């Protein structure tokens, strides 16, 4: 869990909580 892609986040609902936190922590 080091790189988060906007496309993967949209297609990955199981990573919703991690995505929201990742966006706030390190906005891409």
N, C-alpha and C. Protein backbone atom coordinates (compact mmCIF):
# COMPACT_ATOMS: atom_id res chain seq x y z
N UNK A 1 0.87 -1.19 0.00
CA UNK A 1 0.00 0.00 0.00
C UNK A 1 0.91 1.24 0.00
N UNK A 2 1.49 1.53 -1.12
CA UNK A 2 2.38 2.70 -1.18
C UNK A 2 1.89 3.70 -2.20
N UNK A 3 1.39 3.20 -3.31
CA UNK A 3 0.89 4.11 -4.38
C UNK A 3 -0.59 3.95 -4.59
N UNK A 4 -1.30 5.06 -4.65
CA UNK A 4 -2.77 4.98 -4.85
C UNK A 4 -3.13 5.67 -6.16
N UNK A 5 -3.76 4.94 -7.06
CA UNK A 5 -4.16 5.55 -8.35
C UNK A 5 -5.65 5.91 -8.32
N UNK A 6 -6.02 7.05 -8.86
CA UNK A 6 -7.43 7.48 -8.88
C UNK A 6 -8.30 6.44 -9.56
N UNK A 7 -7.77 5.79 -10.59
CA UNK A 7 -8.57 4.76 -11.31
C UNK A 7 -8.78 3.55 -10.41
N UNK A 8 -7.74 3.18 -9.68
CA UNK A 8 -7.86 1.98 -8.81
C UNK A 8 -8.78 2.30 -7.64
N UNK A 9 -8.69 3.54 -7.15
CA UNK A 9 -9.53 3.91 -5.99
C UNK A 9 -11.00 3.83 -6.40
N UNK A 10 -11.30 4.32 -7.60
CA UNK A 10 -12.70 4.31 -8.07
C UNK A 10 -13.16 2.87 -8.26
N UNK A 11 -12.27 2.01 -8.70
CA UNK A 11 -12.66 0.61 -8.97
C UNK A 11 -12.46 -0.25 -7.72
N UNK A 12 -11.87 0.32 -6.68
CA UNK A 12 -11.66 -0.49 -5.45
C UNK A 12 -12.50 0.04 -4.31
N UNK A 13 -13.66 -0.60 -4.08
CA UNK A 13 -14.53 -0.11 -2.99
C UNK A 13 -14.00 -0.63 -1.65
N UNK A 14 -13.29 -1.75 -1.69
CA UNK A 14 -12.78 -2.31 -0.42
C UNK A 14 -11.69 -1.40 0.14
N UNK A 15 -11.18 -0.49 -0.69
CA UNK A 15 -10.12 0.41 -0.20
C UNK A 15 -10.70 1.81 0.03
N UNK A 16 -11.99 1.87 0.30
CA UNK A 16 -12.62 3.19 0.48
C UNK A 16 -12.05 3.92 1.70
N UNK A 17 -12.05 3.31 2.86
CA UNK A 17 -11.51 3.97 4.06
C UNK A 17 -10.03 4.32 3.89
N UNK A 18 -9.27 3.39 3.32
CA UNK A 18 -7.84 3.64 3.12
C UNK A 18 -7.65 4.76 2.09
N UNK A 19 -8.51 4.77 1.10
CA UNK A 19 -8.40 5.79 0.04
C UNK A 19 -8.66 7.17 0.61
N UNK A 20 -9.73 7.31 1.35
CA UNK A 20 -10.07 8.62 1.93
C UNK A 20 -8.91 9.11 2.80
N UNK A 21 -8.37 8.23 3.62
CA UNK A 21 -7.26 8.64 4.52
C UNK A 21 -6.02 8.92 3.68
N UNK A 22 -5.77 8.13 2.68
CA UNK A 22 -4.57 8.31 1.85
C UNK A 22 -4.67 9.66 1.11
N UNK A 23 -5.88 9.99 0.67
CA UNK A 23 -6.07 11.25 -0.05
C UNK A 23 -5.77 12.44 0.86
N UNK A 24 -6.21 12.32 2.10
CA UNK A 24 -6.00 13.44 3.04
C UNK A 24 -4.52 13.48 3.48
N UNK A 25 -3.96 12.30 3.64
CA UNK A 25 -2.55 12.25 4.10
C UNK A 25 -1.61 12.68 2.98
N UNK A 26 -1.69 12.02 1.82
CA UNK A 26 -0.82 12.39 0.70
C UNK A 26 -1.66 12.55 -0.55
N UNK A 27 -2.17 13.74 -0.81
CA UNK A 27 -2.99 13.99 -2.01
C UNK A 27 -2.16 13.82 -3.28
N UNK A 28 -2.70 13.09 -4.22
CA UNK A 28 -1.96 12.84 -5.46
C UNK A 28 -2.26 13.95 -6.47
